[in-house]
Amino acid sequence: MLPIEALKIDQSFVAGLVDRVDSLTMTRAIIQLARSFGLKVTAEGVETVEQLRALRKLECDFAQGYYFSESARARRRGAVALLGAQVVMRRASHPSPPSAPYNL
């Protein structure tokens, strides 16, 4: 068993997800690799609804980025997570501003 629980997709791949074949191919491969090891996947740097739709289609588990929240908020959440507080995850389709990472 691997000493990890999840994989993160770097924002550089997410940025080109909609218009670059290499980004789409790499993102798909990361998700498939994670699945083969029973790991969850979080996509970083989601900024558009098109990126979110593509990640849902690829069956990515979670997403985080400016599409969901501004950076100051993300820094506060990171500090809370480091203190061991439990972060509640909401579905990306939730009508109120959700917490990150977002369950897709």
PDB file of N, CA and C in Angstrom:
ATOM      1  N   MET A   1       0.834  -1.178   0.000  1.00  0.00           N
ATOM      2  CA  MET A   1       0.000   0.000   0.000  1.00  0.00           C
ATOM      3  C   MET A   1       0.886   1.251   0.000  1.00  0.00           C
ATOM      4  N   LEU A   2       0.464   2.252  -0.748  1.00  0.00           N
ATOM      5  CA  LEU A   2       1.212   3.502  -0.822  1.00  0.00           C
ATOM      6  C   LEU A   2       0.997   4.335   0.433  1.00  0.00           C
ATOM      7  N   PRO A   3       2.013   5.105   0.844  1.00  0.00           N
ATOM      8  CA  PRO A   3       1.873   5.940   2.045  1.00  0.00           C
ATOM      9  C   PRO A   3       1.171   7.276   1.764  1.00  0.00           C
ATOM     10  N   ILE A   4       0.235   7.271   0.833  1.00  0.00           N
ATOM     11  CA  ILE A   4      -0.524   8.478   0.492  1.00  0.00           C
ATOM     12  C   ILE A   4      -2.004   8.142   0.416  1.00  0.00           C
ATOM     13  N   GLU A   5      -2.838   9.158   0.563  1.00  0.00           N
ATOM     14  CA  GLU A   5      -4.281   8.954   0.512  1.00  0.00           C
ATOM     15  C   GLU A   5      -4.929   9.607  -0.698  1.00  0.00           C
ATOM     16  N   ALA A   6      -4.222  10.571  -1.311  1.00  0.00           N
ATOM     17  CA  ALA A   6      -4.827  11.318  -2.411  1.00  0.00           C
ATOM     18  C   ALA A   6      -3.751  11.869  -3.344  1.00  0.00           C
ATOM     19  N   LEU A   7      -4.178  12.229  -4.540  1.00  0.00           N
ATOM     20  CA  LEU A   7      -3.311  12.908  -5.507  1.00  0.00           C
ATOM     21  C   LEU A   7      -3.921  14.262  -5.833  1.00  0.00           C
ATOM     22  N   LYS A   8      -3.065  15.241  -6.097  1.00  0.00           N
ATOM     23  CA  LYS A   8      -3.526  16.556  -6.521  1.00  0.00           C
ATOM     24  C   LYS A   8      -3.068  16.798  -7.948  1.00  0.00           C
ATOM     25  N   ILE A   9      -3.963  17.373  -8.732  1.00  0.00           N
ATOM     26  CA  ILE A   9      -3.643  17.750 -10.106  1.00  0.00           C
ATOM     27  C   ILE A   9      -3.206  19.209 -10.072  1.00  0.00           C
ATOM     28  N   ASP A  10      -2.003  19.485 -10.528  1.00  0.00           N
ATOM     29  CA  ASP A  10      -1.452  20.834 -10.498  1.00  0.00           C
ATOM     30  C   ASP A  10      -2.277  21.792 -11.352  1.00  0.00           C
ATOM     31  N   GLN A  11      -2.329  23.040 -10.902  1.00  0.00           N
ATOM     32  CA  GLN A  11      -3.105  24.055 -11.613  1.00  0.00           C
ATOM     33  C   GLN A  11      -2.617  24.281 -13.044  1.00  0.00           C
ATOM     34  N   SER A  12      -1.365  23.972 -13.339  1.00  0.00           N
ATOM     35  CA  SER A  12      -0.873  24.151 -14.706  1.00  0.00           C
ATOM     36  C   SER A  12      -1.594  23.218 -15.686  1.00  0.00           C
ATOM     37  N   PHE A  13      -1.994  22.037 -15.231  1.00  0.00           N
ATOM     38  CA  PHE A  13      -2.769  21.131 -16.087  1.00  0.00           C
ATOM     39  C   PHE A  13      -4.223  21.584 -16.171  1.00  0.00           C
ATOM     40  N   VAL A  14      -4.774  22.036 -15.042  1.00  0.00           N
ATOM     41  CA  VAL A  14      -6.164  22.491 -15.016  1.00  0.00           C
ATOM     42  C   VAL A  14      -6.344  23.727 -15.899  1.00  0.00           C
ATOM     43  N   ALA A  15      -5.353  24.619 -15.915  1.00  0.00           N
ATOM     44  CA  ALA A  15      -5.440  25.849 -16.718  1.00  0.00           C
ATOM     45  C   ALA A  15      -5.640  25.548 -18.199  1.00  0.00           C
ATOM     46  N   GLY A  16      -5.017  24.501 -18.697  1.00  0.00           N
ATOM     47  CA  GLY A  16      -5.139  24.151 -20.107  1.00  0.00           C
ATOM     48  C   GLY A  16      -6.131  23.052 -20.399  1.00  0.00           C
ATOM     49  N   LEU A  17      -6.868  22.661 -19.405  1.00  0.00           N
ATOM     50  CA  LEU A  17      -7.775  21.510 -19.515  1.00  0.00           C
ATOM     51  C   LEU A  17      -8.770  21.621 -20.657  1.00  0.00           C
ATOM     52  N   VAL A  18      -9.302  22.800 -20.905  1.00  0.00           N
ATOM     53  CA  VAL A  18     -10.361  22.982 -21.900  1.00  0.00           C
ATOM     54  C   VAL A  18      -9.810  23.132 -23.316  1.00  0.00           C
ATOM     55  N   ASP A  19      -8.618  23.712 -23.447  1.00  0.00           N
ATOM     56  CA  ASP A  19      -8.134  24.027 -24.799  1.00  0.00           C
ATOM     57  C   ASP A  19      -6.812  23.380 -25.201  1.00  0.00           C
ATOM     58  N   ARG A  20      -6.239  22.533 -24.347  1.00  0.00           N
ATOM     59  CA  ARG A  20      -4.969  21.879 -24.693  1.00  0.00           C
ATOM     60  C   ARG A  20      -5.094  20.369 -24.511  1.00  0.00           C
ATOM     61  N   VAL A  21      -4.860  19.655 -25.567  1.00  0.00           N
ATOM     62  CA  VAL A  21      -4.986  18.193 -25.544  1.00  0.00           C
ATOM     63  C   VAL A  21      -4.017  17.570 -24.554  1.00  0.00           C
ATOM     64  N   ASP A  22      -2.800  18.107 -24.453  1.00  0.00           N
ATOM     65  CA  ASP A  22      -1.827  17.522 -23.531  1.00  0.00           C
ATOM     66  C   ASP A  22      -2.264  17.668 -22.073  1.00  0.00           C
ATOM     67  N   SER A  23      -2.886  18.788 -21.731  1.00  0.00           N
ATOM     68  CA  SER A  23      -3.391  18.974 -20.368  1.00  0.00           C
ATOM     69  C   SER A  23      -4.543  18.018 -20.071  1.00  0.00           C
ATOM     70  N   LEU A  24      -5.434  17.867 -21.024  1.00  0.00           N
ATOM     71  CA  LEU A  24      -6.547  16.935 -20.871  1.00  0.00           C
ATOM     72  C   LEU A  24      -6.038  15.509 -20.714  1.00  0.00           C
ATOM     73  N   THR A  25      -5.071  15.132 -21.540  1.00  0.00           N
ATOM     74  CA  THR A  25      -4.507  13.780 -21.495  1.00  0.00           C
ATOM     75  C   THR A  25      -3.814  13.511 -20.160  1.00  0.00           C
ATOM     76  N   MET A  26      -3.035  14.479 -19.676  1.00  0.00           N
ATOM     77  CA  MET A  26      -2.327  14.313 -18.408  1.00  0.00           C
ATOM     78  C   MET A  26      -3.315  14.251 -17.241  1.00  0.00           C
ATOM     79  N   THR A  27      -4.324  15.089 -17.264  1.00  0.00           N
ATOM     80  CA  THR A  27      -5.333  15.088 -16.198  1.00  0.00           C
ATOM     81  C   THR A  27      -6.071  13.762 -16.157  1.00  0.00           C
ATOM     82  N   ARG A  28      -6.469  13.273 -17.318  1.00  0.00           N
ATOM     83  CA  ARG A  28      -7.145  11.971 -17.398  1.00  0.00           C
ATOM     84  C   ARG A  28      -6.236  10.868 -16.849  1.00  0.00           C
ATOM     85  N   ALA A  29      -4.957  10.899 -17.197  1.00  0.00           N
ATOM     86  CA  ALA A  29      -4.010   9.876 -16.745  1.00  0.00           C
ATOM     87  C   ALA A  29      -3.814   9.922 -15.224  1.00  0.00           C
ATOM     88  N   ILE A  30      -3.746  11.127 -14.661  1.00  0.00           N
ATOM     89  CA  ILE A  30      -3.591  11.256 -13.208  1.00  0.00           C
ATOM     90  C   ILE A  30      -4.803  10.669 -12.493  1.00  0.00           C
ATOM     91  N   ILE A  31      -5.980  10.971 -12.994  1.00  0.00           N
ATOM     92  CA  ILE A  31      -7.210  10.443 -12.379  1.00  0.00           C
ATOM     93  C   ILE A  31      -7.265   8.926 -12.498  1.00  0.00           C
ATOM     94  N   GLN A  32      -6.905   8.383 -13.651  1.00  0.00           N
ATOM     95  CA  GLN A  32      -6.907   6.932 -13.833  1.00  0.00           C
ATOM     96  C   GLN A  32      -5.868   6.261 -12.932  1.00  0.00           C
ATOM     97  N   LEU A  33      -4.698   6.877 -12.794  1.00  0.00           N
ATOM     98  CA  LEU A  33      -3.659   6.338 -11.912  1.00  0.00           C
ATOM     99  C   LEU A  33      -4.165   6.314 -10.464  1.00  0.00           C
ATOM    100  N   ALA A  34      -4.762   7.403 -10.046  1.00  0.00           N
ATOM    101  CA  ALA A  34      -5.304   7.470  -8.684  1.00  0.00           C
ATOM    102  C   ALA A  34      -6.341   6.376  -8.464  1.00  0.00           C
ATOM    103  N   ARG A  35      -7.234   6.196  -9.416  1.00  0.00           N
ATOM    104  CA  ARG A  35      -8.276   5.161  -9.310  1.00  0.00           C
ATOM    105  C   ARG A  35      -7.657   3.770  -9.163  1.00  0.00           C
ATOM    106  N   SER A  36      -6.591   3.521  -9.914  1.00  0.00           N
ATOM    107  CA  SER A  36      -5.986   2.187  -9.861  1.00  0.00           C
ATOM    108  C   SER A  36      -5.389   1.878  -8.490  1.00  0.00           C
ATOM    109  N   PHE A  37      -5.076   2.918  -7.721  1.00  0.00           N
ATOM    110  CA  PHE A  37      -4.552   2.738  -6.368  1.00  0.00           C
ATOM    111  C   PHE A  37      -5.594   3.036  -5.289  1.00  0.00           C
ATOM    112  N   GLY A  38      -6.829   3.298  -5.699  1.00  0.00           N
ATOM    113  CA  GLY A  38      -7.885   3.583  -4.736  1.00  0.00           C
ATOM    114  C   GLY A  38      -7.750   4.926  -4.044  1.00  0.00           C
ATOM    115  N   LEU A  39      -7.146   5.900  -4.726  1.00  0.00           N
ATOM    116  CA  LEU A  39      -6.914   7.224  -4.150  1.00  0.00           C
ATOM    117  C   LEU A  39      -7.955   8.229  -4.631  1.00  0.00           C
ATOM    118  N   LYS A  40      -8.189   9.253  -3.836  1.00  0.00           N
ATOM    119  CA  LYS A  40      -9.030  10.380  -4.221  1.00  0.00           C
ATOM    120  C   LYS A  40      -8.168  11.400  -4.967  1.00  0.00           C
ATOM    121  N   VAL A  41      -8.824  12.229  -5.794  1.00  0.00           N
ATOM    122  CA  VAL A  41      -8.112  13.220  -6.601  1.00  0.00           C
ATOM    123  C   VAL A  41      -8.698  14.610  -6.368  1.00  0.00           C
ATOM    124  N   THR A  42      -7.808  15.584  -6.167  1.00  0.00           N
ATOM    125  CA  THR A  42      -8.198  16.989  -6.048  1.00  0.00           C
ATOM    126  C   THR A  42      -7.527  17.770  -7.167  1.00  0.00           C
ATOM    127  N   ALA A  43      -8.316  18.543  -7.899  1.00  0.00           N
ATOM    128  CA  ALA A  43      -7.784  19.419  -8.947  1.00  0.00           C
ATOM    129  C   ALA A  43      -7.586  20.805  -8.351  1.00  0.00           C
ATOM    130  N   GLU A  44      -6.390  21.364  -8.516  1.00  0.00           N
ATOM    131  CA  GLU A  44      -6.082  22.694  -8.003  1.00  0.00           C
ATOM    132  C   GLU A  44      -6.228  23.741  -9.096  1.00  0.00           C
ATOM    133  N   GLY A  45      -6.542  24.962  -8.702  1.00  0.00           N
ATOM    134  CA  GLY A  45      -6.537  26.082  -9.627  1.00  0.00           C
ATOM    135  C   GLY A  45      -7.731  26.177 -10.554  1.00  0.00           C
ATOM    136  N   VAL A  46      -8.879  25.657 -10.147  1.00  0.00           N
ATOM    137  CA  VAL A  46     -10.077  25.737 -10.986  1.00  0.00           C
ATOM    138  C   VAL A  46     -10.570  27.184 -10.986  1.00  0.00           C
ATOM    139  N   GLU A  47     -10.668  27.764 -12.188  1.00  0.00           N
ATOM    140  CA  GLU A  47     -11.065  29.169 -12.315  1.00  0.00           C
ATOM    141  C   GLU A  47     -12.320  29.389 -13.145  1.00  0.00           C
ATOM    142  N   THR A  48     -12.731  28.391 -13.923  1.00  0.00           N
ATOM    143  CA  THR A  48     -13.892  28.573 -14.805  1.00  0.00           C
ATOM    144  C   THR A  48     -14.873  27.416 -14.686  1.00  0.00           C
ATOM    145  N   VAL A  49     -16.101  27.687 -15.069  1.00  0.00           N
ATOM    146  CA  VAL A  49     -17.121  26.641 -15.064  1.00  0.00           C
ATOM    147  C   VAL A  49     -16.776  25.570 -16.107  1.00  0.00           C
ATOM    148  N   GLU A  50     -16.115  25.943 -17.194  1.00  0.00           N
ATOM    149  CA  GLU A  50     -15.721  24.967 -18.212  1.00  0.00           C
ATOM    150  C   GLU A  50     -14.718  23.965 -17.648  1.00  0.00           C
ATOM    151  N   GLN A  51     -13.762  24.454 -16.857  1.00  0.00           N
ATOM    152  CA  GLN A  51     -12.803  23.553 -16.221  1.00  0.00           C
ATOM    153  C   GLN A  51     -13.516  22.618 -15.253  1.00  0.00           C
ATOM    154  N   LEU A  52     -14.448  23.172 -14.480  1.00  0.00           N
ATOM    155  CA  LEU A  52     -15.208  22.364 -13.535  1.00  0.00           C
ATOM    156  C   LEU A  52     -16.003  21.279 -14.249  1.00  0.00           C
ATOM    157  N   ARG A  53     -16.655  21.631 -15.335  1.00  0.00           N
ATOM    158  CA  ARG A  53     -17.418  20.640 -16.104  1.00  0.00           C
ATOM    159  C   ARG A  53     -16.518  19.533 -16.641  1.00  0.00           C
ATOM    160  N   ALA A  54     -15.355  19.915 -17.154  1.00  0.00           N
ATOM    161  CA  ALA A  54     -14.417  18.912 -17.681  1.00  0.00           C
ATOM    162  C   ALA A  54     -13.960  17.971 -16.574  1.00  0.00           C
ATOM    163  N   LEU A  55     -13.682  18.507 -15.394  1.00  0.00           N
ATOM    164  CA  LEU A  55     -13.245  17.673 -14.274  1.00  0.00           C
ATOM    165  C   LEU A  55     -14.351  16.734 -13.808  1.00  0.00           C
ATOM    166  N   ARG A  56     -15.581  17.216 -13.812  1.00  0.00           N
ATOM    167  CA  ARG A  56     -16.715  16.346 -13.459  1.00  0.00           C
ATOM    168  C   ARG A  56     -16.829  15.211 -14.472  1.00  0.00           C
ATOM    169  N   LYS A  57     -16.684  15.546 -15.742  1.00  0.00           N
ATOM    170  CA  LYS A  57     -16.775  14.532 -16.799  1.00  0.00           C
ATOM    171  C   LYS A  57     -15.680  13.479 -16.640  1.00  0.00           C
ATOM    172  N   LEU A  58     -14.501  13.908 -16.175  1.00  0.00           N
ATOM    173  CA  LEU A  58     -13.389  12.983 -15.947  1.00  0.00           C
ATOM    174  C   LEU A  58     -13.506  12.256 -14.605  1.00  0.00           C
ATOM    175  N   GLU A  59     -14.555  12.578 -13.836  1.00  0.00           N
ATOM    176  CA  GLU A  59     -14.836  11.969 -12.536  1.00  0.00           C
ATOM    177  C   GLU A  59     -13.776  12.276 -11.482  1.00  0.00           C
ATOM    178  N   CYS A  60     -13.308  13.520 -11.495  1.00  0.00           N
ATOM    179  CA  CYS A  60     -12.410  14.009 -10.448  1.00  0.00           C
ATOM    180  C   CYS A  60     -13.234  14.147  -9.161  1.00  0.00           C
ATOM    181  N   ASP A  61     -12.631  13.847  -8.016  1.00  0.00           N
ATOM    182  CA  ASP A  61     -13.366  13.843  -6.750  1.00  0.00           C
ATOM    183  C   ASP A  61     -13.581  15.228  -6.152  1.00  0.00           C
ATOM    184  N   PHE A  62     -12.542  16.054  -6.159  1.00  0.00           N
ATOM    185  CA  PHE A  62     -12.599  17.355  -5.514  1.00  0.00           C
ATOM    186  C   PHE A  62     -11.922  18.405  -6.386  1.00  0.00           C
ATOM    187  N   ALA A  63     -12.281  19.672  -6.136  1.00  0.00           N
ATOM    188  CA  ALA A  63     -11.652  20.782  -6.856  1.00  0.00           C
ATOM    189  C   ALA A  63     -11.498  21.957  -5.906  1.00  0.00           C
ATOM    190  N   GLN A  64     -10.484  22.769  -6.174  1.00  0.00           N
ATOM    191  CA  GLN A  64     -10.304  23.993  -5.408  1.00  0.00           C
ATOM    192  C   GLN A  64      -9.737  25.056  -6.333  1.00  0.00           C
ATOM    193  N   GLY A  65      -9.998  26.310  -6.019  1.00  0.00           N
ATOM    194  CA  GLY A  65      -9.479  27.399  -6.833  1.00  0.00           C
ATOM    195  C   GLY A  65     -10.354  28.633  -6.748  1.00  0.00           C
ATOM    196  N   TYR A  66      -9.997  29.651  -7.519  1.00  0.00           N
ATOM    197  CA  TYR A  66     -10.692  30.934  -7.498  1.00  0.00           C
ATOM    198  C   TYR A  66     -12.153  30.827  -7.932  1.00  0.00           C
ATOM    199  N   TYR A  67     -12.504  29.805  -8.669  1.00  0.00           N
ATOM    200  CA  TYR A  67     -13.909  29.630  -9.060  1.00  0.00           C
ATOM    201  C   TYR A  67     -14.801  29.520  -7.817  1.00  0.00           C
ATOM    202  N   PHE A  68     -14.237  28.972  -6.753  1.00  0.00           N
ATOM    203  CA  PHE A  68     -14.995  28.725  -5.533  1.00  0.00           C
ATOM    204  C   PHE A  68     -14.788  29.788  -4.463  1.00  0.00           C
ATOM    205  N   SER A  69     -13.587  30.330  -4.374  1.00  0.00           N
ATOM    206  CA  SER A  69     -13.296  31.282  -3.299  1.00  0.00           C
ATOM    207  C   SER A  69     -12.097  32.143  -3.652  1.00  0.00           C
ATOM    208  N   GLU A  70     -11.980  33.253  -2.947  1.00  0.00           N
ATOM    209  CA  GLU A  70     -10.844  34.132  -3.156  1.00  0.00           C
ATOM    210  C   GLU A  70      -9.666  33.664  -2.313  1.00  0.00           C
ATOM    211  N   SER A  71      -8.478  34.122  -2.624  1.00  0.00           N
ATOM    212  CA  SER A  71      -7.262  33.602  -2.006  1.00  0.00           C
ATOM    213  C   SER A  71      -7.169  33.848  -0.505  1.00  0.00           C
ATOM    214  N   ALA A  72      -7.604  34.995   0.006  1.00  0.00           N
ATOM    215  CA  ALA A  72      -7.529  35.253   1.450  1.00  0.00           C
ATOM    216  C   ALA A  72      -8.320  34.203   2.225  1.00  0.00           C
ATOM    217  N   ARG A  73      -9.460  33.855   1.692  1.00  0.00           N
ATOM    218  CA  ARG A  73     -10.292  32.827   2.308  1.00  0.00           C
ATOM    219  C   ARG A  73      -9.575  31.487   2.316  1.00  0.00           C
ATOM    220  N   ALA A  74      -8.910  31.175   1.218  1.00  0.00           N
ATOM    221  CA  ALA A  74      -8.169  29.915   1.118  1.00  0.00           C
ATOM    222  C   ALA A  74      -7.036  29.880   2.135  1.00  0.00           C
ATOM    223  N   ARG A  75      -6.352  30.995   2.336  1.00  0.00           N
ATOM    224  CA  ARG A  75      -5.273  31.034   3.333  1.00  0.00           C
ATOM    225  C   ARG A  75      -5.820  30.772   4.735  1.00  0.00           C
ATOM    226  N   ARG A  76      -6.976  31.361   5.052  1.00  0.00           N
ATOM    227  CA  ARG A  76      -7.582  31.138   6.370  1.00  0.00           C
ATOM    228  C   ARG A  76      -7.930  29.662   6.547  1.00  0.00           C
ATOM    229  N   ARG A  77      -8.507  29.043   5.519  1.00  0.00           N
ATOM    230  CA  ARG A  77      -8.869  27.623   5.606  1.00  0.00           C
ATOM    231  C   ARG A  77      -7.626  26.779   5.805  1.00  0.00           C
ATOM    232  N   GLY A  78      -6.550  27.127   5.101  1.00  0.00           N
ATOM    233  CA  GLY A  78      -5.305  26.384   5.246  1.00  0.00           C
ATOM    234  C   GLY A  78      -4.782  26.454   6.664  1.00  0.00           C
ATOM    235  N   ALA A  79      -4.847  27.636   7.281  1.00  0.00           N
ATOM    236  CA  ALA A  79      -4.400  27.796   8.660  1.00  0.00           C
ATOM    237  C   ALA A  79      -5.263  26.976   9.599  1.00  0.00           C
ATOM    238  N   VAL A  80      -6.562  26.963   9.385  1.00  0.00           N
ATOM    239  CA  VAL A  80      -7.464  26.170  10.214  1.00  0.00           C
ATOM    240  C   VAL A  80      -7.152  24.687  10.058  1.00  0.00           C
ATOM    241  N   ALA A  81      -6.918  24.242   8.812  1.00  0.00           N
ATOM    242  CA  ALA A  81      -6.614  22.830   8.569  1.00  0.00           C
ATOM    243  C   ALA A  81      -5.321  22.441   9.279  1.00  0.00           C
ATOM    244  N   LEU A  82      -4.322  23.337   9.287  1.00  0.00           N
ATOM    245  CA  LEU A  82      -3.062  23.037   9.959  1.00  0.00           C
ATOM    246  C   LEU A  82      -3.242  22.901  11.472  1.00  0.00           C
ATOM    247  N   LEU A  83      -4.226  23.573  11.999  1.00  0.00           N
ATOM    248  CA  LEU A  83      -4.501  23.471  13.427  1.00  0.00           C
ATOM    249  C   LEU A  83      -5.294  22.215  13.779  1.00  0.00           C
ATOM    250  N   GLY A  84      -5.644  21.425  12.774  1.00  0.00           N
ATOM    251  CA  GLY A  84      -6.328  20.170  13.025  1.00  0.00           C
ATOM    252  C   GLY A  84      -7.841  20.282  13.043  1.00  0.00           C
ATOM    253  N   ALA A  85      -8.375  21.428  12.665  1.00  0.00           N
ATOM    254  CA  ALA A  85      -9.826  21.581  12.633  1.00  0.00           C
ATOM    255  C   ALA A  85     -10.394  20.788  11.466  1.00  0.00           C
ATOM    256  N   GLN A  86     -11.573  20.323  11.627  1.00  0.00           N
ATOM    257  CA  GLN A  86     -12.233  19.577  10.558  1.00  0.00           C
ATOM    258  C   GLN A  86     -12.861  20.568   9.583  1.00  0.00           C
ATOM    259  N   VAL A  87     -12.559  20.389   8.300  1.00  0.00           N
ATOM    260  CA  VAL A  87     -13.117  21.245   7.263  1.00  0.00           C
ATOM    261  C   VAL A  87     -14.292  20.517   6.636  1.00  0.00           C
ATOM    262  N   VAL A  88     -15.441  21.149   6.631  1.00  0.00           N
ATOM    263  CA  VAL A  88     -16.633  20.553   6.053  1.00  0.00           C
ATOM    264  C   VAL A  88     -16.628  20.810   4.554  1.00  0.00           C
ATOM    265  N   MET A  89     -16.792  19.766   3.773  1.00  0.00           N
ATOM    266  CA  MET A  89     -16.815  19.897   2.326  1.00  0.00           C
ATOM    267  C   MET A  89     -18.252  19.882   1.835  1.00  0.00           C
ATOM    268  N   ARG A  90     -18.557  20.773   0.934  1.00  0.00           N
ATOM    269  CA  ARG A  90     -19.884  20.832   0.336  1.00  0.00           C
ATOM    270  C   ARG A  90     -19.783  20.539  -1.150  1.00  0.00           C
ATOM    271  N   ARG A  91     -20.859  20.154  -1.720  1.00  0.00           N
ATOM    272  CA  ARG A  91     -20.880  19.899  -3.158  1.00  0.00           C
ATOM    273  C   ARG A  91     -20.696  21.204  -3.911  1.00  0.00           C
ATOM    274  N   ALA A  92     -20.019  21.154  -5.046  1.00  0.00           N
ATOM    275  CA  ALA A  92     -19.743  22.343  -5.847  1.00  0.00           C
ATOM    276  C   ALA A  92     -21.025  23.018  -6.321  1.00  0.00           C
ATOM    277  N   SER A  93     -22.113  22.291  -6.384  1.00  0.00           N
ATOM    278  CA  SER A  93     -23.372  22.856  -6.868  1.00  0.00           C
ATOM    279  C   SER A  93     -24.168  23.543  -5.752  1.00  0.00           C
ATOM    280  N   HIS A  94     -23.646  23.557  -4.548  1.00  0.00           N
ATOM    281  CA  HIS A  94     -24.326  24.174  -3.414  1.00  0.00           C
ATOM    282  C   HIS A  94     -24.549  25.660  -3.694  1.00  0.00           C
ATOM    283  N   PRO A  95     -25.724  26.213  -3.411  1.00  0.00           N
ATOM    284  CA  PRO A  95     -26.033  27.592  -3.751  1.00  0.00           C
ATOM    285  C   PRO A  95     -25.253  28.641  -2.970  1.00  0.00           C
ATOM    286  N   SER A  96     -24.815  28.336  -1.749  1.00  0.00           N
ATOM    287  CA  SER A  96     -24.029  29.299  -0.987  1.00  0.00           C
ATOM    288  C   SER A  96     -22.541  29.049  -1.223  1.00  0.00           C
ATOM    289  N   PRO A  97     -21.667  30.025  -0.911  1.00  0.00           N
ATOM    290  CA  PRO A  97     -20.234  29.824  -1.140  1.00  0.00           C
ATOM    291  C   PRO A  97     -19.723  28.639  -0.352  1.00  0.00           C
ATOM    292  N   PRO A  98     -19.192  27.610  -1.018  1.00  0.00           N
ATOM    293  CA  PRO A  98     -18.716  26.407  -0.348  1.00  0.00           C
ATOM    294  C   PRO A  98     -17.296  26.550   0.194  1.00  0.00           C
ATOM    295  N   SER A  99     -16.889  25.598   1.011  1.00  0.00           N
ATOM    296  CA  SER A  99     -15.525  25.520   1.531  1.00  0.00           C
ATOM    297  C   SER A  99     -14.703  24.626   0.629  1.00  0.00           C
ATOM    298  N   ALA A 100     -13.387  24.808   0.594  1.00  0.00           N
ATOM    299  CA  ALA A 100     -12.518  24.024  -0.283  1.00  0.00           C
ATOM    300  C   ALA A 100     -11.830  22.933   0.520  1.00  0.00           C
ATOM    301  N   PRO A 101     -11.393  21.839  -0.060  1.00  0.00           N
ATOM    302  CA  PRO A 101     -11.673  21.472  -1.448  1.00  0.00           C
ATOM    303  C   PRO A 101     -13.130  21.072  -1.628  1.00  0.00           C
ATOM    304  N   TYR A 102     -13.589  21.197  -2.818  1.00  0.00           N
ATOM    305  CA  TYR A 102     -15.000  21.010  -3.123  1.00  0.00           C
ATOM    306  C   TYR A 102     -15.246  19.639  -3.691  1.00  0.00           C
ATOM    307  N   ASN A 103     -16.218  18.966  -3.149  1.00  0.00           N
ATOM    308  CA  ASN A 103     -16.602  17.649  -3.591  1.00  0.00           C
ATOM    309  C   ASN A 103     -17.315  17.759  -4.932  1.00  0.00           C
ATOM    310  N   LEU A 104     -16.812  17.092  -5.943  1.00  0.00           N
ATOM    311  CA  LEU A 104     -17.450  17.121  -7.257  1.00  0.00           C
ATOM    312  C   LEU A 104     -18.380  15.959  -7.379  1.00  0.00           C
TER     313      LEU A 104
END
